[in-house]
Amino acid sequence: MLFSHSVKKQGVAKAIIEAFADEKRPMFLRELQYKVLKRIKVSTQTLSDTYKAMVRSGMLEKKYRNDPTNISRQFSSRLRDLAQYWENYLAAKKLTSTRKQEQASSAD
């Protein structure tokens, strides 16, 4: 969802998450860079861009600018809240029932 048009950045994001899962501790970008570049071959610019996008999106968090980064524990709950909001919005606009009817009629 975050990098829907870039397969390369999807791979980098997966490698970043795997690096955090393996280490089980907060890491600075320099440490993360070493571990990710060992796993996959990408430029440091692509890694940096992906890392920054993950921080901005809330997947990764850091308390202060010079603190190490960690995986966000709040991201999944925020994503669930967003999904619930979107479903409620579509239901309020009566868009979900129309699509369900279209799907049912096209299945026949």
N, C-alpha and C. Protein backbone atom coordinates (compact mmCIF):
# COMPACT_ATOMS: atom_id res chain seq x y z
N MET A 1 0.82 -1.18 0.00
CA MET A 1 0.00 0.00 0.00
C MET A 1 0.87 1.25 0.00
N LEU A 2 1.95 1.22 0.75
CA LEU A 2 2.81 2.39 0.85
C LEU A 2 3.59 2.63 -0.44
N PHE A 3 4.10 1.57 -1.05
CA PHE A 3 4.88 1.69 -2.29
C PHE A 3 4.21 0.87 -3.38
N SER A 4 3.00 1.23 -3.73
CA SER A 4 2.23 0.42 -4.67
C SER A 4 2.80 0.42 -6.09
N HIS A 5 3.59 1.44 -6.45
CA HIS A 5 4.11 1.52 -7.81
C HIS A 5 5.60 1.17 -7.91
N SER A 6 6.22 0.80 -6.81
CA SER A 6 7.65 0.52 -6.85
C SER A 6 7.95 -0.82 -6.18
N VAL A 7 8.21 -1.81 -6.99
CA VAL A 7 8.53 -3.14 -6.48
C VAL A 7 9.85 -3.10 -5.72
N LYS A 8 10.78 -2.29 -6.20
CA LYS A 8 12.09 -2.19 -5.55
C LYS A 8 11.94 -1.66 -4.12
N LYS A 9 11.14 -0.60 -3.95
CA LYS A 9 10.96 -0.03 -2.61
C LYS A 9 10.15 -0.96 -1.71
N GLN A 10 9.26 -1.76 -2.29
CA GLN A 10 8.55 -2.76 -1.50
C GLN A 10 9.55 -3.77 -0.92
N GLY A 11 10.51 -4.17 -1.74
CA GLY A 11 11.54 -5.09 -1.28
C GLY A 11 12.42 -4.48 -0.20
N VAL A 12 12.75 -3.20 -0.37
CA VAL A 12 13.56 -2.51 0.63
C VAL A 12 12.79 -2.40 1.94
N ALA A 13 11.52 -2.06 1.87
CA ALA A 13 10.69 -1.95 3.08
C ALA A 13 10.62 -3.29 3.80
N LYS A 14 10.46 -4.36 3.04
CA LYS A 14 10.42 -5.70 3.64
C LYS A 14 11.76 -6.03 4.32
N ALA A 15 12.86 -5.68 3.66
CA ALA A 15 14.18 -5.94 4.23
C ALA A 15 14.39 -5.11 5.51
N ILE A 16 13.88 -3.89 5.55
CA ILE A 16 14.00 -3.05 6.75
C ILE A 16 13.24 -3.69 7.91
N ILE A 17 12.01 -4.13 7.64
CA ILE A 17 11.21 -4.77 8.69
C ILE A 17 11.89 -6.06 9.16
N GLU A 18 12.43 -6.83 8.24
CA GLU A 18 13.12 -8.08 8.61
C GLU A 18 14.36 -7.78 9.45
N ALA A 19 15.07 -6.71 9.14
CA ALA A 19 16.26 -6.35 9.92
C ALA A 19 15.86 -6.01 11.36
N PHE A 20 14.78 -5.27 11.52
CA PHE A 20 14.30 -4.96 12.87
C PHE A 20 13.84 -6.23 13.59
N ALA A 21 13.20 -7.14 12.86
CA ALA A 21 12.73 -8.39 13.46
C ALA A 21 13.91 -9.25 13.91
N ASP A 22 14.98 -9.27 13.13
CA ASP A 22 16.16 -10.06 13.49
C ASP A 22 16.89 -9.47 14.70
N GLU A 23 17.03 -8.16 14.73
CA GLU A 23 17.80 -7.50 15.79
C GLU A 23 17.01 -7.32 17.08
N LYS A 24 15.69 -7.12 16.95
CA LYS A 24 14.81 -6.92 18.11
C LYS A 24 15.25 -5.77 19.00
N ARG A 25 15.71 -4.69 18.34
CA ARG A 25 16.11 -3.50 19.08
C ARG A 25 16.07 -2.29 18.15
N PRO A 26 15.99 -1.07 18.71
CA PRO A 26 16.04 0.12 17.87
C PRO A 26 17.41 0.25 17.19
N MET A 27 17.42 0.81 15.98
CA MET A 27 18.67 0.97 15.25
C MET A 27 18.73 2.34 14.58
N PHE A 28 19.94 2.82 14.42
CA PHE A 28 20.17 4.04 13.66
C PHE A 28 20.19 3.69 12.17
N LEU A 29 20.00 4.67 11.31
CA LEU A 29 19.98 4.44 9.87
C LEU A 29 21.28 3.81 9.39
N ARG A 30 22.41 4.22 9.96
CA ARG A 30 23.71 3.67 9.55
C ARG A 30 23.77 2.15 9.78
N GLU A 31 23.28 1.69 10.93
CA GLU A 31 23.26 0.25 11.23
C GLU A 31 22.29 -0.46 10.29
N LEU A 32 21.14 0.14 10.12
CA LEU A 32 20.10 -0.43 9.28
C LEU A 32 20.58 -0.54 7.83
N GLN A 33 21.29 0.48 7.39
CA GLN A 33 21.81 0.51 6.03
C GLN A 33 22.74 -0.68 5.79
N TYR A 34 23.61 -0.95 6.74
CA TYR A 34 24.55 -2.06 6.62
C TYR A 34 23.80 -3.38 6.50
N LYS A 35 22.80 -3.58 7.34
CA LYS A 35 22.06 -4.85 7.36
C LYS A 35 21.21 -5.03 6.11
N VAL A 36 20.57 -3.97 5.65
CA VAL A 36 19.69 -4.06 4.48
C VAL A 36 20.51 -4.26 3.21
N LEU A 37 21.61 -3.53 3.07
CA LEU A 37 22.42 -3.65 1.86
C LEU A 37 23.11 -5.01 1.77
N LYS A 38 23.26 -5.69 2.91
CA LYS A 38 23.78 -7.06 2.90
C LYS A 38 22.74 -8.02 2.32
N ARG A 39 21.47 -7.73 2.55
CA ARG A 39 20.38 -8.60 2.10
C ARG A 39 20.03 -8.40 0.62
N ILE A 40 19.88 -7.13 0.22
CA ILE A 40 19.46 -6.84 -1.15
C ILE A 40 20.38 -5.78 -1.74
N LYS A 41 20.47 -5.79 -3.06
CA LYS A 41 21.36 -4.85 -3.72
C LYS A 41 20.54 -3.68 -4.26
N VAL A 42 20.60 -2.57 -3.53
CA VAL A 42 19.94 -1.32 -3.95
C VAL A 42 20.88 -0.17 -3.62
N SER A 43 20.58 0.98 -4.18
CA SER A 43 21.41 2.15 -3.89
C SER A 43 21.09 2.68 -2.50
N THR A 44 22.04 3.39 -1.93
CA THR A 44 21.80 4.00 -0.61
C THR A 44 20.72 5.06 -0.69
N GLN A 45 20.56 5.70 -1.85
CA GLN A 45 19.51 6.71 -2.02
C GLN A 45 18.12 6.07 -1.96
N THR A 46 17.96 4.91 -2.60
CA THR A 46 16.69 4.19 -2.56
C THR A 46 16.37 3.76 -1.14
N LEU A 47 17.38 3.27 -0.44
CA LEU A 47 17.20 2.87 0.95
C LEU A 47 16.80 4.07 1.80
N SER A 48 17.48 5.18 1.63
CA SER A 48 17.19 6.38 2.40
C SER A 48 15.78 6.90 2.11
N ASP A 49 15.39 6.93 0.83
CA ASP A 49 14.05 7.39 0.46
C ASP A 49 12.97 6.49 1.08
N THR A 50 13.19 5.19 1.02
CA THR A 50 12.23 4.23 1.58
C THR A 50 12.13 4.40 3.09
N TYR A 51 13.27 4.53 3.74
CA TYR A 51 13.32 4.71 5.19
C TYR A 51 12.56 5.98 5.60
N LYS A 52 12.81 7.08 4.90
CA LYS A 52 12.14 8.34 5.22
C LYS A 52 10.64 8.25 5.01
N ALA A 53 10.22 7.57 3.95
CA ALA A 53 8.78 7.39 3.69
C ALA A 53 8.14 6.55 4.78
N MET A 54 8.85 5.55 5.27
CA MET A 54 8.31 4.69 6.34
C MET A 54 8.20 5.46 7.65
N VAL A 55 9.14 6.35 7.91
CA VAL A 55 9.07 7.19 9.11
C VAL A 55 7.90 8.16 8.99
N ARG A 56 7.77 8.80 7.82
CA ARG A 56 6.67 9.77 7.62
C ARG A 56 5.31 9.10 7.70
N SER A 57 5.20 7.87 7.23
CA SER A 57 3.92 7.17 7.23
C SER A 57 3.55 6.63 8.61
N GLY A 58 4.53 6.55 9.50
CA GLY A 58 4.26 6.05 10.84
C GLY A 58 4.61 4.59 11.04
N MET A 59 5.13 3.92 10.01
CA MET A 59 5.53 2.51 10.17
C MET A 59 6.74 2.39 11.08
N LEU A 60 7.63 3.36 10.97
CA LEU A 60 8.80 3.42 11.84
C LEU A 60 8.67 4.67 12.69
N GLU A 61 9.20 4.62 13.90
CA GLU A 61 9.09 5.79 14.76
C GLU A 61 10.40 6.06 15.47
N LYS A 62 10.59 7.33 15.77
CA LYS A 62 11.72 7.75 16.58
C LYS A 62 11.24 8.92 17.41
N LYS A 63 11.66 8.94 18.67
CA LYS A 63 11.15 9.96 19.57
C LYS A 63 11.72 11.34 19.23
N TYR A 64 13.02 11.40 19.09
CA TYR A 64 13.69 12.65 18.75
C TYR A 64 14.54 12.43 17.51
N ARG A 65 14.99 13.51 16.93
CA ARG A 65 15.72 13.46 15.66
C ARG A 65 16.96 12.56 15.74
N ASN A 66 17.70 12.63 16.81
CA ASN A 66 18.95 11.87 16.91
C ASN A 66 18.79 10.55 17.65
N ASP A 67 17.57 10.11 17.87
CA ASP A 67 17.32 8.82 18.51
C ASP A 67 17.29 7.70 17.48
N PRO A 68 17.54 6.47 17.92
CA PRO A 68 17.42 5.34 16.98
C PRO A 68 15.95 5.12 16.60
N THR A 69 15.76 4.46 15.50
CA THR A 69 14.42 4.19 14.96
C THR A 69 13.97 2.80 15.39
N ASN A 70 12.66 2.66 15.58
CA ASN A 70 12.09 1.37 15.93
C ASN A 70 10.80 1.18 15.14
N ILE A 71 10.31 -0.05 15.09
CA ILE A 71 9.04 -0.32 14.43
C ILE A 71 7.93 0.25 15.30
N SER A 72 6.98 0.92 14.68
CA SER A 72 5.87 1.53 15.42
C SER A 72 4.90 0.48 15.90
N ARG A 73 4.55 0.57 17.17
CA ARG A 73 3.55 -0.33 17.73
C ARG A 73 2.14 0.20 17.48
N GLN A 74 2.02 1.46 17.11
CA GLN A 74 0.71 2.08 16.90
C GLN A 74 0.25 2.01 15.45
N PHE A 75 1.13 1.64 14.53
CA PHE A 75 0.79 1.70 13.11
C PHE A 75 -0.39 0.80 12.76
N SER A 76 -0.39 -0.43 13.26
CA SER A 76 -1.47 -1.35 12.90
C SER A 76 -2.81 -0.87 13.44
N SER A 77 -2.83 -0.31 14.64
CA SER A 77 -4.11 0.19 15.17
C SER A 77 -4.58 1.41 14.39
N ARG A 78 -3.64 2.26 13.95
CA ARG A 78 -4.02 3.40 13.12
C ARG A 78 -4.58 2.94 11.78
N LEU A 79 -3.97 1.91 11.22
CA LEU A 79 -4.42 1.37 9.95
C LEU A 79 -5.82 0.76 10.08
N ARG A 80 -6.07 0.05 11.18
CA ARG A 80 -7.41 -0.49 11.43
C ARG A 80 -8.44 0.63 11.58
N ASP A 81 -8.06 1.69 12.30
CA ASP A 81 -8.98 2.83 12.47
C ASP A 81 -9.31 3.47 11.12
N LEU A 82 -8.29 3.61 10.27
CA LEU A 82 -8.50 4.19 8.95
C LEU A 82 -9.42 3.30 8.11
N ALA A 83 -9.21 1.99 8.17
CA ALA A 83 -10.06 1.06 7.41
C ALA A 83 -11.50 1.12 7.92
N GLN A 84 -11.68 1.19 9.23
CA GLN A 84 -13.03 1.29 9.79
C GLN A 84 -13.70 2.59 9.39
N TYR A 85 -12.93 3.69 9.43
CA TYR A 85 -13.46 4.99 8.99
C TYR A 85 -13.92 4.91 7.54
N TRP A 86 -13.09 4.30 6.69
CA TRP A 86 -13.40 4.23 5.27
C TRP A 86 -14.66 3.39 5.04
N GLU A 87 -14.80 2.28 5.73
CA GLU A 87 -15.99 1.44 5.59
C GLU A 87 -17.24 2.20 6.06
N ASN A 88 -17.12 2.92 7.18
CA ASN A 88 -18.25 3.71 7.67
C ASN A 88 -18.62 4.82 6.69
N TYR A 89 -17.62 5.46 6.11
CA TYR A 89 -17.84 6.53 5.13
C TYR A 89 -18.60 5.99 3.92
N LEU A 90 -18.13 4.86 3.39
CA LEU A 90 -18.78 4.27 2.22
C LEU A 90 -20.20 3.84 2.54
N ALA A 91 -20.42 3.30 3.74
CA ALA A 91 -21.76 2.90 4.14
C ALA A 91 -22.67 4.13 4.28
N ALA A 92 -22.14 5.22 4.84
CA ALA A 92 -22.93 6.44 5.00
C ALA A 92 -23.31 7.04 3.65
N LYS A 93 -22.43 6.93 2.69
CA LYS A 93 -22.71 7.45 1.34
C LYS A 93 -23.47 6.43 0.48
N LYS A 94 -23.77 5.29 1.09
CA LYS A 94 -24.50 4.20 0.42
C LYS A 94 -23.77 3.70 -0.84
N LEU A 95 -22.46 3.63 -0.72
CA LEU A 95 -21.65 3.14 -1.84
C LEU A 95 -21.34 1.65 -1.72
N THR A 96 -21.32 1.12 -0.52
CA THR A 96 -20.98 -0.29 -0.35
C THR A 96 -22.12 -1.19 -0.77
N SER A 97 -23.35 -0.81 -0.50
CA SER A 97 -24.47 -1.68 -0.88
C SER A 97 -24.60 -1.76 -2.39
N THR A 98 -24.32 -0.67 -3.09
CA THR A 98 -24.39 -0.66 -4.54
C THR A 98 -23.35 -1.61 -5.13
N ARG A 99 -22.16 -1.58 -4.61
CA ARG A 99 -21.10 -2.46 -5.14
C ARG A 99 -21.40 -3.92 -4.82
N LYS A 100 -21.93 -4.19 -3.65
CA LYS A 100 -22.27 -5.58 -3.31
C LYS A 100 -23.36 -6.10 -4.23
N GLN A 101 -24.33 -5.24 -4.59
CA GLN A 101 -25.39 -5.65 -5.50
C GLN A 101 -24.82 -5.89 -6.89
N GLU A 102 -23.90 -5.03 -7.33
CA GLU A 102 -23.28 -5.22 -8.64
C GLU A 102 -22.48 -6.52 -8.70
N GLN A 103 -21.75 -6.81 -7.62
CA GLN A 103 -20.97 -8.04 -7.58
C GLN A 103 -21.87 -9.27 -7.60
N ALA A 104 -22.97 -9.19 -6.86
CA ALA A 104 -23.90 -10.31 -6.83
C ALA A 104 -24.55 -10.53 -8.18
N SER A 105 -24.92 -9.45 -8.87
CA SER A 105 -25.57 -9.58 -10.18
C SER A 105 -24.56 -10.04 -11.24
N SER A 106 -23.31 -9.64 -11.13
CA SER A 106 -22.32 -10.08 -12.13
C SER A 106 -21.90 -11.52 -11.91
N ALA A 107 -22.09 -12.04 -10.68
CA ALA A 107 -21.74 -13.43 -10.39
C ALA A 107 -22.76 -14.38 -10.97
N ASP A 108 -23.99 -13.90 -11.21
CA ASP A 108 -25.06 -14.75 -11.76
C ASP A 108 -24.87 -15.01 -13.18
